[in-house]
PDB file of N, CA and C in Angstrom:
ATOM      1  N   MET A   1     104.465 116.464  96.458  1.00  0.00           N
ATOM      2  CA  MET A   1     106.017 116.060  96.369  1.00  0.00           C
ATOM      3  C   MET A   1     105.754 115.802  95.089  1.00  0.00           C
ATOM      4  N   LYS A   2     106.861 116.407  94.017  1.00  0.00           N
ATOM      5  CA  LYS A   2     106.650 116.106  92.698  1.00  0.00           C
ATOM      6  C   LYS A   2     107.985 114.916  92.111  1.00  0.00           C
ATOM      7  N   ALA A   3     108.133 114.135  91.618  1.00  0.00           N
ATOM      8  CA  ALA A   3     108.946 113.193  90.635  1.00  0.00           C
ATOM      9  C   ALA A   3     109.672 114.062  89.770  1.00  0.00           C
ATOM     10  N   PHE A   4     110.905 113.857  89.333  1.00  0.00           N
ATOM     11  CA  PHE A   4     111.804 114.371  88.740  1.00  0.00           C
ATOM     12  C   PHE A   4     112.022 115.623  88.692  1.00  0.00           C
ATOM     13  N   PRO A   5     111.794 116.304  89.578  1.00  0.00           N
ATOM     14  CA  PRO A   5     112.126 117.893  89.289  1.00  0.00           C
ATOM     15  C   PRO A   5     113.326 118.483  88.278  1.00  0.00           C
ATOM     16  N   THR A   6     113.936 119.374  87.808  1.00  0.00           N
ATOM     17  CA  THR A   6     114.455 119.800  86.800  1.00  0.00           C
ATOM     18  C   THR A   6     114.674 120.889  86.799  1.00  0.00           C
ATOM     19  N   ASP A   7     115.902 121.194  87.045  1.00  0.00           N
ATOM     20  CA  ASP A   7     116.694 123.005  86.680  1.00  0.00           C
ATOM     21  C   ASP A   7     117.450 123.386  85.606  1.00  0.00           C
ATOM     22  N   TYR A   8     116.612 123.986  85.248  1.00  0.00           N
ATOM     23  CA  TYR A   8     117.529 124.630  83.881  1.00  0.00           C
ATOM     24  C   TYR A   8     119.188 124.682  83.930  1.00  0.00           C
ATOM     25  N   PHE A   9     119.799 124.106  82.310  1.00  0.00           N
ATOM     26  CA  PHE A   9     120.820 124.236  82.194  1.00  0.00           C
ATOM     27  C   PHE A   9     120.880 123.675  80.839  1.00  0.00           C
ATOM     28  N   TYR A  10     122.343 123.700  80.343  1.00  0.00           N
ATOM     29  CA  TYR A  10     122.815 124.000  78.926  1.00  0.00           C
ATOM     30  C   TYR A  10     123.700 122.683  78.852  1.00  0.00           C
ATOM     31  N   ASP A  11     123.416 121.839  77.661  1.00  0.00           N
ATOM     32  CA  ASP A  11     124.262 120.688  77.522  1.00  0.00           C
ATOM     33  C   ASP A  11     124.821 121.117  76.703  1.00  0.00           C
ATOM     34  N   ASP A  12     126.370 121.298  76.849  1.00  0.00           N
ATOM     35  CA  ASP A  12     127.371 121.396  75.906  1.00  0.00           C
ATOM     36  C   ASP A  12     127.230 120.584  75.052  1.00  0.00           C
ATOM     37  N   GLU A  13     127.288 119.222  75.338  1.00  0.00           N
ATOM     38  CA  GLU A  13     127.421 118.083  74.700  1.00  0.00           C
ATOM     39  C   GLU A  13     126.509 118.044  73.170  1.00  0.00           C
ATOM     40  N   THR A  14     125.516 118.237  73.604  1.00  0.00           N
ATOM     41  CA  THR A  14     124.255 118.089  72.756  1.00  0.00           C
ATOM     42  C   THR A  14     123.847 119.555  72.079  1.00  0.00           C
ATOM     43  N   LYS A  15     124.355 120.884  72.729  1.00  0.00           N
ATOM     44  CA  LYS A  15     124.006 121.709  72.539  1.00  0.00           C
ATOM     45  C   LYS A  15     122.118 122.030  72.754  1.00  0.00           C
ATOM     46  N   HIS A  16     121.961 121.225  73.475  1.00  0.00           N
ATOM     47  CA  HIS A  16     120.309 121.858  73.976  1.00  0.00           C
ATOM     48  C   HIS A  16     120.036 122.691  75.348  1.00  0.00           C
ATOM     49  N   GLU A  17     118.898 122.962  75.478  1.00  0.00           N
ATOM     50  CA  GLU A  17     118.711 123.563  76.847  1.00  0.00           C
ATOM     51  C   GLU A  17     117.678 123.041  77.515  1.00  0.00           C
ATOM     52  N   ILE A  18     117.741 122.594  78.209  1.00  0.00           N
ATOM     53  CA  ILE A  18     116.818 121.906  79.536  1.00  0.00           C
ATOM     54  C   ILE A  18     116.109 122.920  80.090  1.00  0.00           C
ATOM     55  N   LEU A  19     114.969 123.204  79.988  1.00  0.00           N
ATOM     56  CA  LEU A  19     113.820 124.051  80.734  1.00  0.00           C
ATOM     57  C   LEU A  19     113.398 123.560  81.951  1.00  0.00           C
ATOM     58  N   PRO A  20     113.476 124.325  83.353  1.00  0.00           N
ATOM     59  CA  PRO A  20     113.135 124.047  84.667  1.00  0.00           C
ATOM     60  C   PRO A  20     111.497 123.176  84.227  1.00  0.00           C
ATOM     61  N   SER A  21     111.670 121.726  84.949  1.00  0.00           N
ATOM     62  CA  SER A  21     110.314 121.775  85.116  1.00  0.00           C
ATOM     63  C   SER A  21     109.785 120.937  86.441  1.00  0.00           C
ATOM     64  N   GLU A  22     108.977 121.395  87.184  1.00  0.00           N
ATOM     65  CA  GLU A  22     107.992 121.052  88.480  1.00  0.00           C
ATOM     66  C   GLU A  22     108.186 119.910  88.552  1.00  0.00           C
ATOM     67  N   GLY A  23     108.342 119.149  87.075  1.00  0.00           N
ATOM     68  CA  GLY A  23     108.081 117.251  87.546  1.00  0.00           C
ATOM     69  C   GLY A  23     106.785 117.299  87.686  1.00  0.00           C
ATOM     70  N   MET A  24     106.438 115.616  87.637  1.00  0.00           N
ATOM     71  CA  MET A  24     105.285 114.572  87.411  1.00  0.00           C
ATOM     72  C   MET A  24     104.956 114.852  89.155  1.00  0.00           C
ATOM     73  N   ASP A  25     103.583 114.619  89.542  1.00  0.00           N
ATOM     74  CA  ASP A  25     103.072 114.467  90.943  1.00  0.00           C
ATOM     75  C   ASP A  25     103.692 113.073  91.009  1.00  0.00           C
ATOM     76  N   LEU A  26     104.289 112.731  92.392  1.00  0.00           N
ATOM     77  CA  LEU A  26     104.884 111.432  93.300  1.00  0.00           C
ATOM     78  C   LEU A  26     103.804 110.295  92.720  1.00  0.00           C
ATOM     79  N   ARG A  27     102.572 110.962  93.568  1.00  0.00           N
ATOM     80  CA  ARG A  27     101.289 109.618  93.489  1.00  0.00           C
ATOM     81  C   ARG A  27     100.870 109.648  92.030  1.00  0.00           C
ATOM     82  N   ASP A  28     100.946 110.373  91.079  1.00  0.00           N
ATOM     83  CA  ASP A  28     100.882 109.854  89.254  1.00  0.00           C
ATOM     84  C   ASP A  28     101.929 109.049  89.145  1.00  0.00           C
ATOM     85  N   TYR A  29     103.638 109.305  89.791  1.00  0.00           N
ATOM     86  CA  TYR A  29     104.313 108.499  89.205  1.00  0.00           C
ATOM     87  C   TYR A  29     104.180 106.914  89.990  1.00  0.00           C
ATOM     88  N   PHE A  30     103.961 107.035  91.061  1.00  0.00           N
ATOM     89  CA  PHE A  30     103.122 105.422  91.495  1.00  0.00           C
ATOM     90  C   PHE A  30     102.626 104.856  90.629  1.00  0.00           C
ATOM     91  N   ALA A  31     101.487 105.478  90.826  1.00  0.00           N
ATOM     92  CA  ALA A  31     100.167 104.725  89.951  1.00  0.00           C
ATOM     93  C   ALA A  31     100.467 104.642  88.348  1.00  0.00           C
ATOM     94  N   ALA A  32     101.578 105.055  88.060  1.00  0.00           N
ATOM     95  CA  ALA A  32     101.850 105.061  86.813  1.00  0.00           C
ATOM     96  C   ALA A  32     102.763 103.387  86.586  1.00  0.00           C
ATOM     97  N   ARG A  33     103.308 104.004  87.918  1.00  0.00           N
ATOM     98  CA  ARG A  33     104.494 101.959  88.162  1.00  0.00           C
ATOM     99  C   ARG A  33     103.875 100.967  88.619  1.00  0.00           C
ATOM    100  N   ALA A  34     102.503 101.120  89.257  1.00  0.00           N
ATOM    101  CA  ALA A  34     101.584 100.109  89.720  1.00  0.00           C
ATOM    102  C   ALA A  34     100.759  99.483  88.405  1.00  0.00           C
ATOM    103  N   MET A  35     100.365 101.129  87.917  1.00  0.00           N
ATOM    104  CA  MET A  35      99.738 100.151  86.547  1.00  0.00           C
ATOM    105  C   MET A  35     100.532  99.338  85.140  1.00  0.00           C
ATOM    106  N   GLN A  36     101.857  99.955  85.262  1.00  0.00           N
ATOM    107  CA  GLN A  36     102.548  99.176  84.291  1.00  0.00           C
ATOM    108  C   GLN A  36     102.706  98.038  84.794  1.00  0.00           C
ATOM    109  N   GLY A  37     103.076  97.145  85.908  1.00  0.00           N
ATOM    110  CA  GLY A  37     102.669  96.251  86.665  1.00  0.00           C
ATOM    111  C   GLY A  37     101.648  95.080  86.309  1.00  0.00           C
ATOM    112  N   MET A  38     100.215  96.193  86.369  1.00  0.00           N
ATOM    113  CA  MET A  38      98.988  95.458  85.870  1.00  0.00           C
ATOM    114  C   MET A  38      98.888  94.500  84.829  1.00  0.00           C
ATOM    115  N   LEU A  39      98.881  96.242  84.304  1.00  0.00           N
ATOM    116  CA  LEU A  39      99.078  95.576  82.413  1.00  0.00           C
ATOM    117  C   LEU A  39     100.249  94.574  81.997  1.00  0.00           C
ATOM    118  N   SER A  40     101.023  93.723  82.488  1.00  0.00           N
ATOM    119  CA  SER A  40     101.590  92.562  82.209  1.00  0.00           C
ATOM    120  C   SER A  40     101.016  91.625  81.972  1.00  0.00           C
ATOM    121  N   SER A  41      99.519  91.285  82.890  1.00  0.00           N
ATOM    122  CA  SER A  41      98.892  90.678  82.597  1.00  0.00           C
ATOM    123  C   SER A  41      97.503  90.409  81.481  1.00  0.00           C
ATOM    124  N   TYR A  42      97.452  91.892  81.403  1.00  0.00           N
ATOM    125  CA  TYR A  42      96.490  92.205  80.515  1.00  0.00           C
ATOM    126  C   TYR A  42      96.323  91.753  79.198  1.00  0.00           C
ATOM    127  N   GLU A  43      94.991  90.911  78.994  1.00  0.00           N
ATOM    128  CA  GLU A  43      94.294  90.686  77.720  1.00  0.00           C
ATOM    129  C   GLU A  43      93.843  91.591  76.986  1.00  0.00           C
ATOM    130  N   LYS A  44      94.469  91.909  75.419  1.00  0.00           N
ATOM    131  CA  LYS A  44      93.688  92.601  74.779  1.00  0.00           C
ATOM    132  C   LYS A  44      92.005  91.942  74.289  1.00  0.00           C
ATOM    133  N   GLY A  45      91.449  93.086  74.474  1.00  0.00           N
ATOM    134  CA  GLY A  45      89.975  93.792  74.666  1.00  0.00           C
ATOM    135  C   GLY A  45      88.885  93.337  76.043  1.00  0.00           C
ATOM    136  N   ASP A  46      90.220  93.611  76.847  1.00  0.00           N
ATOM    137  CA  ASP A  46      88.997  93.703  78.049  1.00  0.00           C
ATOM    138  C   ASP A  46      89.056  94.868  78.693  1.00  0.00           C
ATOM    139  N   SER A  47      88.207  95.654  78.045  1.00  0.00           N
ATOM    140  CA  SER A  47      87.771  97.117  78.213  1.00  0.00           C
ATOM    141  C   SER A  47      87.960  97.419  80.056  1.00  0.00           C
ATOM    142  N   LEU A  48      87.025  96.363  80.546  1.00  0.00           N
ATOM    143  CA  LEU A  48      86.408  96.257  82.232  1.00  0.00           C
ATOM    144  C   LEU A  48      87.456  96.467  82.643  1.00  0.00           C
ATOM    145  N   LYS A  49      88.438  95.301  82.490  1.00  0.00           N
ATOM    146  CA  LYS A  49      89.713  95.605  83.206  1.00  0.00           C
ATOM    147  C   LYS A  49      90.634  96.849  82.991  1.00  0.00           C
ATOM    148  N   VAL A  50      90.733  97.491  82.537  1.00  0.00           N
ATOM    149  CA  VAL A  50      91.480  98.372  82.333  1.00  0.00           C
ATOM    150  C   VAL A  50      90.774  99.954  83.201  1.00  0.00           C
ATOM    151  N   GLN A  51      89.750 100.127  83.288  1.00  0.00           N
ATOM    152  CA  GLN A  51      89.249 100.525  84.341  1.00  0.00           C
ATOM    153  C   GLN A  51      89.714  99.963  85.562  1.00  0.00           C
ATOM    154  N   LEU A  52      89.497  98.926  85.822  1.00  0.00           N
ATOM    155  CA  LEU A  52      89.842  98.820  87.111  1.00  0.00           C
ATOM    156  C   LEU A  52      91.219  98.659  87.396  1.00  0.00           C
ATOM    157  N   PHE A  53      92.194  98.135  86.486  1.00  0.00           N
ATOM    158  CA  PHE A  53      93.332  98.580  86.685  1.00  0.00           C
ATOM    159  C   PHE A  53      93.928 100.228  86.933  1.00  0.00           C
ATOM    160  N   ALA A  54      93.372 100.743  86.192  1.00  0.00           N
ATOM    161  CA  ALA A  54      93.682 102.411  86.383  1.00  0.00           C
ATOM    162  C   ALA A  54      92.738 102.730  88.114  1.00  0.00           C
ATOM    163  N   ASP A  55      91.693 102.144  88.215  1.00  0.00           N
ATOM    164  CA  ASP A  55      91.644 102.464  89.730  1.00  0.00           C
ATOM    165  C   ASP A  55      92.006 102.008  90.979  1.00  0.00           C
ATOM    166  N   SER A  56      92.832 100.817  90.317  1.00  0.00           N
ATOM    167  CA  SER A  56      93.493  99.729  91.503  1.00  0.00           C
ATOM    168  C   SER A  56      94.702 100.534  91.428  1.00  0.00           C
ATOM    169  N   ALA A  57      95.251 101.208  90.598  1.00  0.00           N
ATOM    170  CA  ALA A  57      96.716 101.759  90.548  1.00  0.00           C
ATOM    171  C   ALA A  57      96.653 103.036  91.449  1.00  0.00           C
ATOM    172  N   TYR A  58      95.970 104.170  91.459  1.00  0.00           N
ATOM    173  CA  TYR A  58      95.424 105.156  92.458  1.00  0.00           C
ATOM    174  C   TYR A  58      95.019 104.926  93.958  1.00  0.00           C
ATOM    175  N   VAL A  59      94.775 103.446  93.718  1.00  0.00           N
ATOM    176  CA  VAL A  59      94.742 102.760  95.634  1.00  0.00           C
ATOM    177  C   VAL A  59      96.139 102.584  95.844  1.00  0.00           C
ATOM    178  N   MET A  60      96.611 102.056  95.166  1.00  0.00           N
ATOM    179  CA  MET A  60      98.264 101.526  95.305  1.00  0.00           C
ATOM    180  C   MET A  60      98.920 102.763  95.631  1.00  0.00           C
ATOM    181  N   ALA A  61      98.802 103.910  94.888  1.00  0.00           N
ATOM    182  CA  ALA A  61      99.290 105.233  94.838  1.00  0.00           C
ATOM    183  C   ALA A  61      99.084 105.438  96.297  1.00  0.00           C
ATOM    184  N   ASP A  62      97.808 105.819  96.563  1.00  0.00           N
ATOM    185  CA  ASP A  62      97.785 106.321  97.612  1.00  0.00           C
ATOM    186  C   ASP A  62      98.235 105.496  98.861  1.00  0.00           C
ATOM    187  N   ALA A  63      98.577 104.205  98.984  1.00  0.00           N
ATOM    188  CA  ALA A  63      99.323 103.554 100.014  1.00  0.00           C
ATOM    189  C   ALA A  63     100.609 103.550 100.113  1.00  0.00           C
ATOM    190  N   MET A  64     101.140 104.064  98.982  1.00  0.00           N
ATOM    191  CA  MET A  64     102.396 104.278  99.003  1.00  0.00           C
ATOM    192  C   MET A  64     102.907 105.688  99.508  1.00  0.00           C
ATOM    193  N   MET A  65     101.726 106.589  99.475  1.00  0.00           N
ATOM    194  CA  MET A  65     101.994 108.102  99.795  1.00  0.00           C
ATOM    195  C   MET A  65     101.987 107.813 101.223  1.00  0.00           C
ATOM    196  N   LYS A  66     100.849 107.452 101.958  1.00  0.00           N
ATOM    197  CA  LYS A  66     100.339 107.023 103.323  1.00  0.00           C
ATOM    198  C   LYS A  66     102.181 106.472 103.628  1.00  0.00           C
ATOM    199  N   ALA A  67     102.657 105.452 103.361  1.00  0.00           N
ATOM    200  CA  ALA A  67     103.865 104.461 103.490  1.00  0.00           C
ATOM    201  C   ALA A  67     104.903 105.925 103.787  1.00  0.00           C
ATOM    202  N   ARG A  68     104.929 106.068 102.779  1.00  0.00           N
ATOM    203  CA  ARG A  68     105.651 107.860 102.659  1.00  0.00           C
ATOM    204  C   ARG A  68     105.940 108.380 104.294  1.00  0.00           C
ATOM    205  N   GLU A  69     104.544 108.658 104.564  1.00  0.00           N
ATOM    206  CA  GLU A  69     104.169 109.852 105.763  1.00  0.00           C
ATOM    207  C   GLU A  69     104.844 109.033 107.327  1.00  0.00           C
ATOM    208  N   THR A  70     105.004 107.996 106.795  1.00  0.00           N
ATOM    209  CA  THR A  70     105.525 107.092 108.497  1.00  0.00           C
ATOM    210  C   THR A  70     106.640 106.445 108.573  1.00  0.00           C
ATOM    211  N   LYS A  71     107.444 107.425 107.509  1.00  0.00           N
ATOM    212  CA  LYS A  71     108.820 106.839 107.713  1.00  0.00           C
ATOM    213  C   LYS A  71     109.344 108.336 108.141  1.00  0.00           C
TER     214      LYS A  71
END
């Protein structure tokens, strides 16, 4: 499943074309949002924590995807 898919349209107000996009994977979106929360407690210079956050974010995203299947 994709997050934020768009169709083509032309914005008359800004005079810009908005090209179609499939969007990003919903799993990646969930992981990004989870990691955003984890980074709020990040202390600069702790490079081991960054990898842990990245790995944990996808574990959380997978759990969210699984929860969606049961609804």
